[in-house]
Amino acid sequence: RGKPGTKVTLTIARKSETKPRVVTLVRAVIKTKSVKFKL
């Protein structure tokens, strides 16, 4: 967590992959939509 707009880098290990995955994400104010719907 941190100030929205700042970056954080995660090193990810995935069982289906042999090499770690490095991902840089930009923190955001997380506003989750609780319910979505469609016909």
Full PDB file with SEQRES, HELIX, SHEET, SSBOND, CRYST1, ORIGX, SCALE, CONECT and MASTER records, all heavy atoms in Angstrom:
SEQRES   1 A   39  ARG GLY LYS PRO GLY THR LYS VAL THR LEU THR ILE ALA          
SEQRES   2 A   39  ARG LYS SER GLU THR LYS PRO ARG VAL VAL THR LEU VAL          
SEQRES   3 A   39  ARG ALA VAL ILE LYS THR LYS SER VAL LYS PHE LYS LEU          
SHEET    1 AA1 2 LYS A   7  ILE A  12  0                                        
SHEET    2 AA1 2 ARG A  21  VAL A  26 -1                                        
CRYST1    1.000    1.000    1.000  90.00  90.00  90.00 P 1           1          
ORIGX1      1.000000  0.000000  0.000000        0.00000                         
ORIGX2      0.000000  1.000000  0.000000        0.00000                         
ORIGX3      0.000000  0.000000  1.000000        0.00000                         
SCALE1      1.000000  0.000000  0.000000        0.00000                         
SCALE2      0.000000  1.000000  0.000000        0.00000                         
SCALE3      0.000000  0.000000  1.000000        0.00000                         
ATOM      1  N   ARG A   1       0.840  -1.196   0.000  1.00  0.00           N  
ATOM      2  CA  ARG A   1       0.000   0.000   0.000  1.00  0.00           C  
ATOM      3  C   ARG A   1       0.871   1.242   0.000  1.00  0.00           C  
ATOM      4  O   ARG A   1       2.021   1.221   0.399  1.00  0.00           O  
ATOM      5  CB  ARG A   1      -0.915   0.003   1.222  1.00  0.00           C  
ATOM      6  CG  ARG A   1      -2.080  -0.968   1.091  1.00  0.00           C  
ATOM      7  CD  ARG A   1      -3.067  -0.791   2.212  1.00  0.00           C  
ATOM      8  NE  ARG A   1      -4.245  -1.615   2.014  1.00  0.00           N  
ATOM      9  CZ  ARG A   1      -5.284  -1.622   2.822  1.00  0.00           C  
ATOM     10  NH1 ARG A   1      -5.284  -0.846   3.894  1.00  0.00           N  
ATOM     11  NH2 ARG A   1      -6.316  -2.396   2.582  1.00  0.00           N  
ATOM     12  N   GLY A   2       0.292   2.326  -0.437  1.00  0.00           N  
ATOM     13  CA  GLY A   2       1.027   3.583  -0.458  1.00  0.00           C  
ATOM     14  C   GLY A   2       0.220   4.663  -1.140  1.00  0.00           C  
ATOM     15  O   GLY A   2      -0.947   4.471  -1.507  1.00  0.00           O  
ATOM     16  N   LYS A   3       0.841   5.791  -1.345  1.00  0.00           N  
ATOM     17  CA  LYS A   3       0.165   6.932  -1.943  1.00  0.00           C  
ATOM     18  C   LYS A   3      -0.210   6.614  -3.382  1.00  0.00           C  
ATOM     19  O   LYS A   3       0.612   6.120  -4.158  1.00  0.00           O  
ATOM     20  CB  LYS A   3       1.068   8.158  -1.895  1.00  0.00           C  
ATOM     21  CG  LYS A   3       0.397   9.438  -2.369  1.00  0.00           C  
ATOM     22  CD  LYS A   3       1.337  10.616  -2.222  1.00  0.00           C  
ATOM     23  CE  LYS A   3       0.651  11.900  -2.723  1.00  0.00           C  
ATOM     24  NZ  LYS A   3       1.554  13.077  -2.607  1.00  0.00           N  
ATOM     25  N   PRO A   4      -1.465   6.861  -3.788  1.00  0.00           N  
ATOM     26  CA  PRO A   4      -1.853   6.621  -5.178  1.00  0.00           C  
ATOM     27  C   PRO A   4      -0.934   7.360  -6.141  1.00  0.00           C  
ATOM     28  O   PRO A   4      -0.552   8.511  -5.912  1.00  0.00           O  
ATOM     29  CB  PRO A   4      -3.286   7.165  -5.233  1.00  0.00           C  
ATOM     30  CG  PRO A   4      -3.782   7.051  -3.824  1.00  0.00           C  
ATOM     31  CD  PRO A   4      -2.593   7.325  -2.965  1.00  0.00           C  
ATOM     32  N   GLY A   5      -0.567   6.684  -7.231  1.00  0.00           N  
ATOM     33  CA  GLY A   5       0.328   7.264  -8.213  1.00  0.00           C  
ATOM     34  C   GLY A   5       1.770   6.840  -8.053  1.00  0.00           C  
ATOM     35  O   GLY A   5       2.573   6.987  -8.977  1.00  0.00           O  
ATOM     36  N   THR A   6       2.125   6.312  -6.883  1.00  0.00           N  
ATOM     37  CA  THR A   6       3.484   5.820  -6.672  1.00  0.00           C  
ATOM     38  C   THR A   6       3.599   4.376  -7.168  1.00  0.00           C  
ATOM     39  O   THR A   6       2.611   3.669  -7.301  1.00  0.00           O  
ATOM     40  CB  THR A   6       3.879   5.888  -5.194  1.00  0.00           C  
ATOM     41  OG1 THR A   6       2.956   5.080  -4.427  1.00  0.00           O  
ATOM     42  CG2 THR A   6       3.816   7.318  -4.692  1.00  0.00           C  
ATOM     43  N   LYS A   7       4.832   3.954  -7.434  1.00  0.00           N  
ATOM     44  CA  LYS A   7       5.065   2.643  -8.023  1.00  0.00           C  
ATOM     45  C   LYS A   7       5.593   1.653  -6.997  1.00  0.00           C  
ATOM     46  O   LYS A   7       6.253   2.029  -6.028  1.00  0.00           O  
ATOM     47  CB  LYS A   7       6.063   2.752  -9.185  1.00  0.00           C  
ATOM     48  CG  LYS A   7       5.565   3.558 -10.365  1.00  0.00           C  
ATOM     49  CD  LYS A   7       6.583   3.588 -11.488  1.00  0.00           C  
ATOM     50  CE  LYS A   7       6.049   4.371 -12.696  1.00  0.00           C  
ATOM     51  NZ  LYS A   7       7.039   4.405 -13.814  1.00  0.00           N  
ATOM     52  N   VAL A   8       5.302   0.398  -7.222  1.00  0.00           N  
ATOM     53  CA  VAL A   8       5.865  -0.685  -6.419  1.00  0.00           C  
ATOM     54  C   VAL A   8       6.151  -1.843  -7.375  1.00  0.00           C  
ATOM     55  O   VAL A   8       5.382  -2.116  -8.294  1.00  0.00           O  
ATOM     56  CB  VAL A   8       4.897  -1.119  -5.291  1.00  0.00           C  
ATOM     57  CG1 VAL A   8       3.571  -1.591  -5.855  1.00  0.00           C  
ATOM     58  CG2 VAL A   8       5.534  -2.189  -4.423  1.00  0.00           C  
ATOM     59  N   THR A   9       7.269  -2.505  -7.161  1.00  0.00           N  
ATOM     60  CA  THR A   9       7.683  -3.618  -8.017  1.00  0.00           C  
ATOM     61  C   THR A   9       7.551  -4.926  -7.257  1.00  0.00           C  
ATOM     62  O   THR A   9       8.089  -5.066  -6.152  1.00  0.00           O  
ATOM     63  CB  THR A   9       9.133  -3.436  -8.492  1.00  0.00           C  
ATOM     64  OG1 THR A   9       9.227  -2.219  -9.245  1.00  0.00           O  
ATOM     65  CG2 THR A   9       9.560  -4.598  -9.384  1.00  0.00           C  
ATOM     66  N   LEU A  10       6.831  -5.867  -7.828  1.00  0.00           N  
ATOM     67  CA  LEU A  10       6.630  -7.182  -7.228  1.00  0.00           C  
ATOM     68  C   LEU A  10       7.367  -8.230  -8.053  1.00  0.00           C  
ATOM     69  O   LEU A  10       7.300  -8.221  -9.282  1.00  0.00           O  
ATOM     70  CB  LEU A  10       5.142  -7.549  -7.163  1.00  0.00           C  
ATOM     71  CG  LEU A  10       4.210  -6.598  -6.415  1.00  0.00           C  
ATOM     72  CD1 LEU A  10       2.790  -7.163  -6.431  1.00  0.00           C  
ATOM     73  CD2 LEU A  10       4.680  -6.369  -4.994  1.00  0.00           C  
ATOM     74  N   THR A  11       8.066  -9.114  -7.363  1.00  0.00           N  
ATOM     75  CA  THR A  11       8.667 -10.274  -8.009  1.00  0.00           C  
ATOM     76  C   THR A  11       7.753 -11.460  -7.743  1.00  0.00           C  
ATOM     77  O   THR A  11       7.504 -11.813  -6.592  1.00  0.00           O  
ATOM     78  CB  THR A  11      10.083 -10.548  -7.480  1.00  0.00           C  
ATOM     79  OG1 THR A  11      10.894  -9.377  -7.694  1.00  0.00           O  
ATOM     80  CG2 THR A  11      10.717 -11.725  -8.212  1.00  0.00           C  
ATOM     81  N   ILE A  12       7.242 -12.049  -8.821  1.00  0.00           N  
ATOM     82  CA  ILE A  12       6.210 -13.075  -8.749  1.00  0.00           C  
ATOM     83  C   ILE A  12       6.771 -14.418  -9.190  1.00  0.00           C  
ATOM     84  O   ILE A  12       7.442 -14.514 -10.227  1.00  0.00           O  
ATOM     85  CB  ILE A  12       5.010 -12.714  -9.645  1.00  0.00           C  
ATOM     86  CG1 ILE A  12       4.416 -11.362  -9.256  1.00  0.00           C  
ATOM     87  CG2 ILE A  12       3.956 -13.814  -9.618  1.00  0.00           C  
ATOM     88  CD1 ILE A  12       3.714 -11.344  -7.936  1.00  0.00           C  
ATOM     89  N   ALA A  13       6.499 -15.469  -8.416  1.00  0.00           N  
ATOM     90  CA  ALA A  13       6.807 -16.840  -8.831  1.00  0.00           C  
ATOM     91  C   ALA A  13       5.496 -17.522  -9.175  1.00  0.00           C  
ATOM     92  O   ALA A  13       4.565 -17.524  -8.374  1.00  0.00           O  
ATOM     93  CB  ALA A  13       7.531 -17.594  -7.720  1.00  0.00           C  
ATOM     94  N   ARG A  14       5.439 -18.101 -10.367  1.00  0.00           N  
ATOM     95  CA  ARG A  14       4.241 -18.798 -10.823  1.00  0.00           C  
ATOM     96  C   ARG A  14       4.599 -20.254 -11.103  1.00  0.00           C  
ATOM     97  O   ARG A  14       5.575 -20.542 -11.802  1.00  0.00           O  
ATOM     98  CB  ARG A  14       3.689 -18.115 -12.066  1.00  0.00           C  
ATOM     99  CG  ARG A  14       2.366 -18.640 -12.550  1.00  0.00           C  
ATOM    100  CD  ARG A  14       1.797 -17.747 -13.652  1.00  0.00           C  
ATOM    101  NE  ARG A  14       1.391 -16.442 -13.121  1.00  0.00           N  
ATOM    102  CZ  ARG A  14       1.017 -15.409 -13.875  1.00  0.00           C  
ATOM    103  NH1 ARG A  14       1.006 -15.548 -15.190  1.00  0.00           N  
ATOM    104  NH2 ARG A  14       0.661 -14.269 -13.311  1.00  0.00           N  
ATOM    105  N   LYS A  15       3.827 -21.169 -10.542  1.00  0.00           N  
ATOM    106  CA  LYS A  15       4.181 -22.583 -10.622  1.00  0.00           C  
ATOM    107  C   LYS A  15       4.274 -23.097 -12.050  1.00  0.00           C  
ATOM    108  O   LYS A  15       4.997 -24.045 -12.322  1.00  0.00           O  
ATOM    109  CB  LYS A  15       3.163 -23.417  -9.824  1.00  0.00           C  
ATOM    110  CG  LYS A  15       3.264 -23.198  -8.325  1.00  0.00           C  
ATOM    111  CD  LYS A  15       2.258 -24.048  -7.569  1.00  0.00           C  
ATOM    112  CE  LYS A  15       2.374 -23.815  -6.066  1.00  0.00           C  
ATOM    113  NZ  LYS A  15       1.386 -24.606  -5.297  1.00  0.00           N  
ATOM    114  N   SER A  16       3.539 -22.488 -12.948  1.00  0.00           N  
ATOM    115  CA  SER A  16       3.552 -22.951 -14.326  1.00  0.00           C  
ATOM    116  C   SER A  16       4.685 -22.329 -15.149  1.00  0.00           C  
ATOM    117  O   SER A  16       4.808 -22.614 -16.338  1.00  0.00           O  
ATOM    118  CB  SER A  16       2.206 -22.633 -14.989  1.00  0.00           C  
ATOM    119  OG  SER A  16       1.950 -21.240 -14.949  1.00  0.00           O  
ATOM    120  N   GLU A  17       5.508 -21.490 -14.516  1.00  0.00           N  
ATOM    121  CA  GLU A  17       6.603 -20.832 -15.230  1.00  0.00           C  
ATOM    122  C   GLU A  17       7.925 -21.089 -14.514  1.00  0.00           C  
ATOM    123  O   GLU A  17       7.972 -21.194 -13.281  1.00  0.00           O  
ATOM    124  CB  GLU A  17       6.339 -19.324 -15.339  1.00  0.00           C  
ATOM    125  CG  GLU A  17       5.071 -18.994 -16.110  1.00  0.00           C  
ATOM    126  CD  GLU A  17       4.805 -17.499 -16.177  1.00  0.00           C  
ATOM    127  OE1 GLU A  17       5.638 -16.726 -15.648  1.00  0.00           O  
ATOM    128  OE2 GLU A  17       3.763 -17.110 -16.743  1.00  0.00           O  
ATOM    129  N   THR A  18       8.997 -21.179 -15.280  1.00  0.00           N  
ATOM    130  CA  THR A  18      10.306 -21.512 -14.710  1.00  0.00           C  
ATOM    131  C   THR A  18      11.042 -20.291 -14.174  1.00  0.00           C  
ATOM    132  O   THR A  18      11.867 -20.416 -13.271  1.00  0.00           O  
ATOM    133  CB  THR A  18      11.181 -22.198 -15.773  1.00  0.00           C  
ATOM    134  OG1 THR A  18      11.294 -21.339 -16.921  1.00  0.00           O  
ATOM    135  CG2 THR A  18      10.564 -23.529 -16.186  1.00  0.00           C  
ATOM    136  N   LYS A  19      10.766 -19.112 -14.702  1.00  0.00           N  
ATOM    137  CA  LYS A  19      11.461 -17.901 -14.285  1.00  0.00           C  
ATOM    138  C   LYS A  19      10.521 -16.979 -13.525  1.00  0.00           C  
ATOM    139  O   LYS A  19       9.335 -16.885 -13.860  1.00  0.00           O  
ATOM    140  CB  LYS A  19      12.026 -17.168 -15.504  1.00  0.00           C  
ATOM    141  CG  LYS A  19      13.126 -17.942 -16.239  1.00  0.00           C  
ATOM    142  CD  LYS A  19      13.660 -17.108 -17.400  1.00  0.00           C  
ATOM    143  CE  LYS A  19      14.770 -17.858 -18.139  1.00  0.00           C  
ATOM    144  NZ  LYS A  19      15.299 -17.064 -19.283  1.00  0.00           N  
ATOM    145  N   PRO A  20      11.059 -16.270 -12.515  1.00  0.00           N  
ATOM    146  CA  PRO A  20      10.226 -15.296 -11.800  1.00  0.00           C  
ATOM    147  C   PRO A  20       9.771 -14.180 -12.739  1.00  0.00           C  
ATOM    148  O   PRO A  20      10.451 -13.833 -13.701  1.00  0.00           O  
ATOM    149  CB  PRO A  20      11.149 -14.749 -10.699  1.00  0.00           C  
ATOM    150  CG  PRO A  20      12.243 -15.752 -10.586  1.00  0.00           C  
ATOM    151  CD  PRO A  20      12.413 -16.366 -11.932  1.00  0.00           C  
ATOM    152  N   ARG A  21       8.639 -13.632 -12.437  1.00  0.00           N  
ATOM    153  CA  ARG A  21       8.072 -12.546 -13.227  1.00  0.00           C  
ATOM    154  C   ARG A  21       8.157 -11.268 -12.408  1.00  0.00           C  
ATOM    155  O   ARG A  21       7.717 -11.224 -11.265  1.00  0.00           O  
ATOM    156  CB  ARG A  21       6.628 -12.877 -13.570  1.00  0.00           C  
ATOM    157  CG  ARG A  21       5.863 -11.814 -14.300  1.00  0.00           C  
ATOM    158  CD  ARG A  21       4.435 -12.260 -14.525  1.00  0.00           C  
ATOM    159  NE  ARG A  21       4.383 -13.442 -15.364  1.00  0.00           N  
ATOM    160  CZ  ARG A  21       3.618 -13.541 -16.445  1.00  0.00           C  
ATOM    161  NH1 ARG A  21       2.864 -12.527 -16.801  1.00  0.00           N  
ATOM    162  NH2 ARG A  21       3.596 -14.649 -17.149  1.00  0.00           N  
ATOM    163  N   VAL A  22       8.749 -10.213 -12.970  1.00  0.00           N  
ATOM    164  CA  VAL A  22       8.874  -8.924 -12.287  1.00  0.00           C  
ATOM    165  C   VAL A  22       7.848  -7.966 -12.871  1.00  0.00           C  
ATOM    166  O   VAL A  22       7.826  -7.719 -14.083  1.00  0.00           O  
ATOM    167  CB  VAL A  22      10.299  -8.358 -12.430  1.00  0.00           C  
ATOM    168  CG1 VAL A  22      10.398  -7.006 -11.729  1.00  0.00           C  
ATOM    169  CG2 VAL A  22      11.329  -9.328 -11.870  1.00  0.00           C  
ATOM    170  N   VAL A  23       6.993  -7.443 -12.008  1.00  0.00           N  
ATOM    171  CA  VAL A  23       5.887  -6.588 -12.449  1.00  0.00           C  
ATOM    172  C   VAL A  23       5.933  -5.282 -11.664  1.00  0.00           C  
ATOM    173  O   VAL A  23       6.013  -5.298 -10.434  1.00  0.00           O  
ATOM    174  CB  VAL A  23       4.523  -7.276 -12.216  1.00  0.00           C  
ATOM    175  CG1 VAL A  23       3.395  -6.404 -12.726  1.00  0.00           C  
ATOM    176  CG2 VAL A  23       4.488  -8.640 -12.889  1.00  0.00           C  
ATOM    177  N   THR A  24       5.898  -4.179 -12.360  1.00  0.00           N  
ATOM    178  CA  THR A  24       5.828  -2.871 -11.712  1.00  0.00           C  
ATOM    179  C   THR A  24       4.409  -2.343 -11.819  1.00  0.00           C  
ATOM    180  O   THR A  24       3.854  -2.248 -12.927  1.00  0.00           O  
ATOM    181  CB  THR A  24       6.813  -1.879 -12.351  1.00  0.00           C  
ATOM    182  OG1 THR A  24       8.147  -2.371 -12.190  1.00  0.00           O  
ATOM    183  CG2 THR A  24       6.703  -0.517 -11.679  1.00  0.00           C  
ATOM    184  N   LEU A  25       3.829  -2.029 -10.680  1.00  0.00           N  
ATOM    185  CA  LEU A  25       2.448  -1.558 -10.635  1.00  0.00           C  
ATOM    186  C   LEU A  25       2.413  -0.139 -10.087  1.00  0.00           C  
ATOM    187  O   LEU A  25       3.265   0.250  -9.278  1.00  0.00           O  
ATOM    188  CB  LEU A  25       1.588  -2.454  -9.751  1.00  0.00           C  
ATOM    189  CG  LEU A  25       1.482  -3.932 -10.130  1.00  0.00           C  
ATOM    190  CD1 LEU A  25       2.567  -4.725  -9.393  1.00  0.00           C  
ATOM    191  CD2 LEU A  25       0.128  -4.491  -9.760  1.00  0.00           C  
ATOM    192  N   VAL A  26       1.417   0.601 -10.525  1.00  0.00           N  
ATOM    193  CA  VAL A  26       1.187   1.954 -10.004  1.00  0.00           C  
ATOM    194  C   VAL A  26       0.040   1.890  -9.012  1.00  0.00           C  
ATOM    195  O   VAL A  26      -1.069   1.458  -9.356  1.00  0.00           O  
ATOM    196  CB  VAL A  26       0.853   2.938 -11.147  1.00  0.00           C  
ATOM    197  CG1 VAL A  26       0.570   4.327 -10.573  1.00  0.00           C  
ATOM    198  CG2 VAL A  26       1.991   2.991 -12.154  1.00  0.00           C  
ATOM    199  N   ARG A  27       0.311   2.275  -7.774  1.00  0.00           N  
ATOM    200  CA  ARG A  27      -0.730   2.254  -6.752  1.00  0.00           C  
ATOM    201  C   ARG A  27      -1.878   3.185  -7.141  1.00  0.00           C  
ATOM    202  O   ARG A  27      -1.665   4.216  -7.770  1.00  0.00           O  
ATOM    203  CB  ARG A  27      -0.161   2.685  -5.397  1.00  0.00           C  
ATOM    204  CG  ARG A  27       0.907   1.745  -4.832  1.00  0.00           C  
ATOM    205  CD  ARG A  27       1.373   2.254  -3.487  1.00  0.00           C  
ATOM    206  NE  ARG A  27       2.348   1.380  -2.856  1.00  0.00           N  
ATOM    207  CZ  ARG A  27       3.673   1.563  -2.921  1.00  0.00           C  
ATOM    208  NH1 ARG A  27       4.152   2.608  -3.598  1.00  0.00           N  
ATOM    209  NH2 ARG A  27       4.492   0.731  -2.307  1.00  0.00           N  
ATOM    210  N   ALA A  28      -3.057   2.784  -6.750  1.00  0.00           N  
ATOM    211  CA  ALA A  28      -4.241   3.573  -7.084  1.00  0.00           C  
ATOM    212  C   ALA A  28      -5.209   3.541  -5.919  1.00  0.00           C  
ATOM    213  O   ALA A  28      -5.106   2.697  -5.024  1.00  0.00           O  
ATOM    214  CB  ALA A  28      -4.909   3.016  -8.338  1.00  0.00           C  
ATOM    215  N   VAL A  29      -6.140   4.481  -5.931  1.00  0.00           N  
ATOM    216  CA  VAL A  29      -7.257   4.415  -4.991  1.00  0.00           C  
ATOM    217  C   VAL A  29      -8.181   3.331  -5.516  1.00  0.00           C  
ATOM    218  O   VAL A  29      -8.740   3.446  -6.606  1.00  0.00           O  
ATOM    219  CB  VAL A  29      -7.996   5.758  -4.881  1.00  0.00           C  
ATOM    220  CG1 VAL A  29      -9.233   5.618  -3.991  1.00  0.00           C  
ATOM    221  CG2 VAL A  29      -7.066   6.825  -4.329  1.00  0.00           C  
ATOM    222  N   ILE A  30      -8.275   2.242  -4.765  1.00  0.00           N  
ATOM    223  CA  ILE A  30      -9.046   1.094  -5.216  1.00  0.00           C  
ATOM    224  C   ILE A  30     -10.520   1.334  -4.903  1.00  0.00           C  
ATOM    225  O   ILE A  30     -10.918   1.354  -3.745  1.00  0.00           O  
ATOM    226  CB  ILE A  30      -8.549  -0.204  -4.544  1.00  0.00           C  
ATOM    227  CG1 ILE A  30      -7.040  -0.348  -4.714  1.00  0.00           C  
ATOM    228  CG2 ILE A  30      -9.288  -1.394  -5.121  1.00  0.00           C  
ATOM    229  CD1 ILE A  30      -6.570  -0.426  -6.151  1.00  0.00           C  
ATOM    230  N   LYS A  31     -11.289   1.519  -5.949  1.00  0.00           N  
ATOM    231  CA  LYS A  31     -12.738   1.659  -5.795  1.00  0.00           C  
ATOM    232  C   LYS A  31     -13.371   0.465  -6.480  1.00  0.00           C  
ATOM    233  O   LYS A  31     -13.531   0.448  -7.700  1.00  0.00           O  
ATOM    234  CB  LYS A  31     -13.241   2.963  -6.417  1.00  0.00           C  
ATOM    235  CG  LYS A  31     -12.715   4.219  -5.727  1.00  0.00           C  
ATOM    236  CD  LYS A  31     -13.295   5.468  -6.366  1.00  0.00           C  
ATOM    237  CE  LYS A  31     -12.796   6.719  -5.668  1.00  0.00           C  
ATOM    238  NZ  LYS A  31     -13.344   7.963  -6.277  1.00  0.00           N  
ATOM    239  N   THR A  32     -13.678  -0.520  -5.713  1.00  0.00           N  
ATOM    240  CA  THR A  32     -14.208  -1.748  -6.294  1.00  0.00           C  
ATOM    241  C   THR A  32     -15.716  -1.626  -6.493  1.00  0.00           C  
ATOM    242  O   THR A  32     -16.434  -1.148  -5.620  1.00  0.00           O  
ATOM    243  CB  THR A  32     -13.907  -2.947  -5.392  1.00  0.00           C  
ATOM    244  OG1 THR A  32     -14.454  -2.714  -4.096  1.00  0.00           O  
ATOM    245  CG2 THR A  32     -12.417  -3.166  -5.268  1.00  0.00           C  
ATOM    246  N   LYS A  33     -16.170  -2.064  -7.647  1.00  0.00           N  
ATOM    247  CA  LYS A  33     -17.600  -2.119  -7.924  1.00  0.00           C  
ATOM    248  C   LYS A  33     -18.113  -3.446  -7.397  1.00  0.00           C  
ATOM    249  O   LYS A  33     -17.733  -4.504  -7.879  1.00  0.00           O  
ATOM    250  CB  LYS A  33     -17.852  -1.987  -9.422  1.00  0.00           C  
ATOM    251  CG  LYS A  33     -17.422  -0.639  -9.995  1.00  0.00           C  
ATOM    252  CD  LYS A  33     -17.686  -0.591 -11.488  1.00  0.00           C  
ATOM    253  CE  LYS A  33     -17.240   0.739 -12.070  1.00  0.00           C  
ATOM    254  NZ  LYS A  33     -17.455   0.780 -13.536  1.00  0.00           N  
ATOM    255  N   SER A  34     -18.978  -3.360  -6.435  1.00  0.00           N  
ATOM    256  CA  SER A  34     -19.413  -4.564  -5.742  1.00  0.00           C  
ATOM    257  C   SER A  34     -20.297  -5.452  -6.604  1.00  0.00           C  
ATOM    258  O   SER A  34     -20.191  -6.678  -6.544  1.00  0.00           O  
ATOM    259  CB  SER A  34     -20.145  -4.177  -4.455  1.00  0.00           C  
ATOM    260  OG  SER A  34     -20.607  -5.311  -3.782  1.00  0.00           O  
ATOM    261  N   VAL A  35     -21.181  -4.860  -7.414  1.00  0.00           N  
ATOM    262  CA  VAL A  35     -22.154  -5.637  -8.190  1.00  0.00           C  
ATOM    263  C   VAL A  35     -22.126  -5.185  -9.646  1.00  0.00           C  
ATOM    264  O   VAL A  35     -22.184  -3.989  -9.929  1.00  0.00           O  
ATOM    265  CB  VAL A  35     -23.574  -5.491  -7.621  1.00  0.00           C  
ATOM    266  CG1 VAL A  35     -24.588  -6.233  -8.486  1.00  0.00           C  
ATOM    267  CG2 VAL A  35     -23.631  -5.993  -6.185  1.00  0.00           C  
ATOM    268  N   LYS A  36     -22.024  -6.163 -10.554  1.00  0.00           N  
ATOM    269  CA  LYS A  36     -22.121  -5.904 -11.989  1.00  0.00           C  
ATOM    270  C   LYS A  36     -23.197  -6.819 -12.553  1.00  0.00           C  
ATOM    271  O   LYS A  36     -23.395  -7.929 -12.039  1.00  0.00           O  
ATOM    272  CB  LYS A  36     -20.779  -6.152 -12.675  1.00  0.00           C  
ATOM    273  CG  LYS A  36     -19.648  -5.315 -12.083  1.00  0.00           C  
ATOM    274  CD  LYS A  36     -18.323  -5.579 -12.775  1.00  0.00           C  
ATOM    275  CE  LYS A  36     -17.217  -4.737 -12.157  1.00  0.00           C  
ATOM    276  NZ  LYS A  36     -15.922  -4.920 -12.842  1.00  0.00           N  
ATOM    277  N   PHE A  37     -23.846  -6.388 -13.619  1.00  0.00           N  
ATOM    278  CA  PHE A  37     -24.952  -7.197 -14.122  1.00  0.00           C  
ATOM    279  C   PHE A  37     -25.139  -6.969 -15.614  1.00  0.00           C  
ATOM    280  O   PHE A  37     -24.660  -5.979 -16.187  1.00  0.00           O  
ATOM    281  CB  PHE A  37     -26.245  -6.872 -13.363  1.00  0.00           C  
ATOM    282  CG  PHE A  37     -26.712  -5.443 -13.512  1.00  0.00           C  
ATOM    283  CD1 PHE A  37     -27.662  -5.104 -14.467  1.00  0.00           C  
ATOM    284  CD2 PHE A  37     -26.201  -4.443 -12.697  1.00  0.00           C  
ATOM    285  CE1 PHE A  37     -28.104  -3.796 -14.608  1.00  0.00           C  
ATOM    286  CE2 PHE A  37     -26.627  -3.136 -12.827  1.00  0.00           C  
ATOM    287  CZ  PHE A  37     -27.580  -2.810 -13.793  1.00  0.00           C  
ATOM    288  N   LYS A  38     -25.846  -7.928 -16.240  1.00  0.00           N  
ATOM    289  CA  LYS A  38     -26.064  -7.854 -17.681  1.00  0.00           C  
ATOM    290  C   LYS A  38     -27.129  -8.870 -18.075  1.00  0.00           C  
ATOM    291  O   LYS A  38     -27.232  -9.941 -17.463  1.00  0.00           O  
ATOM    292  CB  LYS A  38     -24.761  -8.150 -18.426  1.00  0.00           C  
ATOM    293  CG  LYS A  38     -24.875  -8.122 -19.941  1.00  0.00           C  
ATOM    294  CD  LYS A  38     -23.547  -8.496 -20.581  1.00  0.00           C  
ATOM    295  CE  LYS A  38     -23.648  -8.478 -22.099  1.00  0.00           C  
ATOM    296  NZ  LYS A  38     -22.360  -8.856 -22.737  1.00  0.00           N  
ATOM    297  N   LEU A  39     -27.901  -8.557 -19.098  1.00  0.00           N  
ATOM    298  CA  LEU A  39     -28.761  -9.550 -19.736  1.00  0.00           C  
ATOM    299  C   LEU A  39     -27.901 -10.331 -20.717  1.00  0.00           C  
ATOM    300  O   LEU A  39     -27.427  -9.773 -21.714  1.00  0.00           O  
ATOM    301  CB  LEU A  39     -29.919  -8.883 -20.475  1.00  0.00           C  
ATOM    302  CG  LEU A  39     -31.227  -8.667 -19.713  1.00  0.00           C  
ATOM    303  CD1 LEU A  39     -32.232  -7.949 -20.611  1.00  0.00           C  
ATOM    304  CD2 LEU A  39     -31.806  -9.974 -19.198  1.00  0.00           C  
TER     305      LEU A  39                                                      
MASTER        0    0    0    0    2    0    0    6  304    1    0    3          
END                                                                             
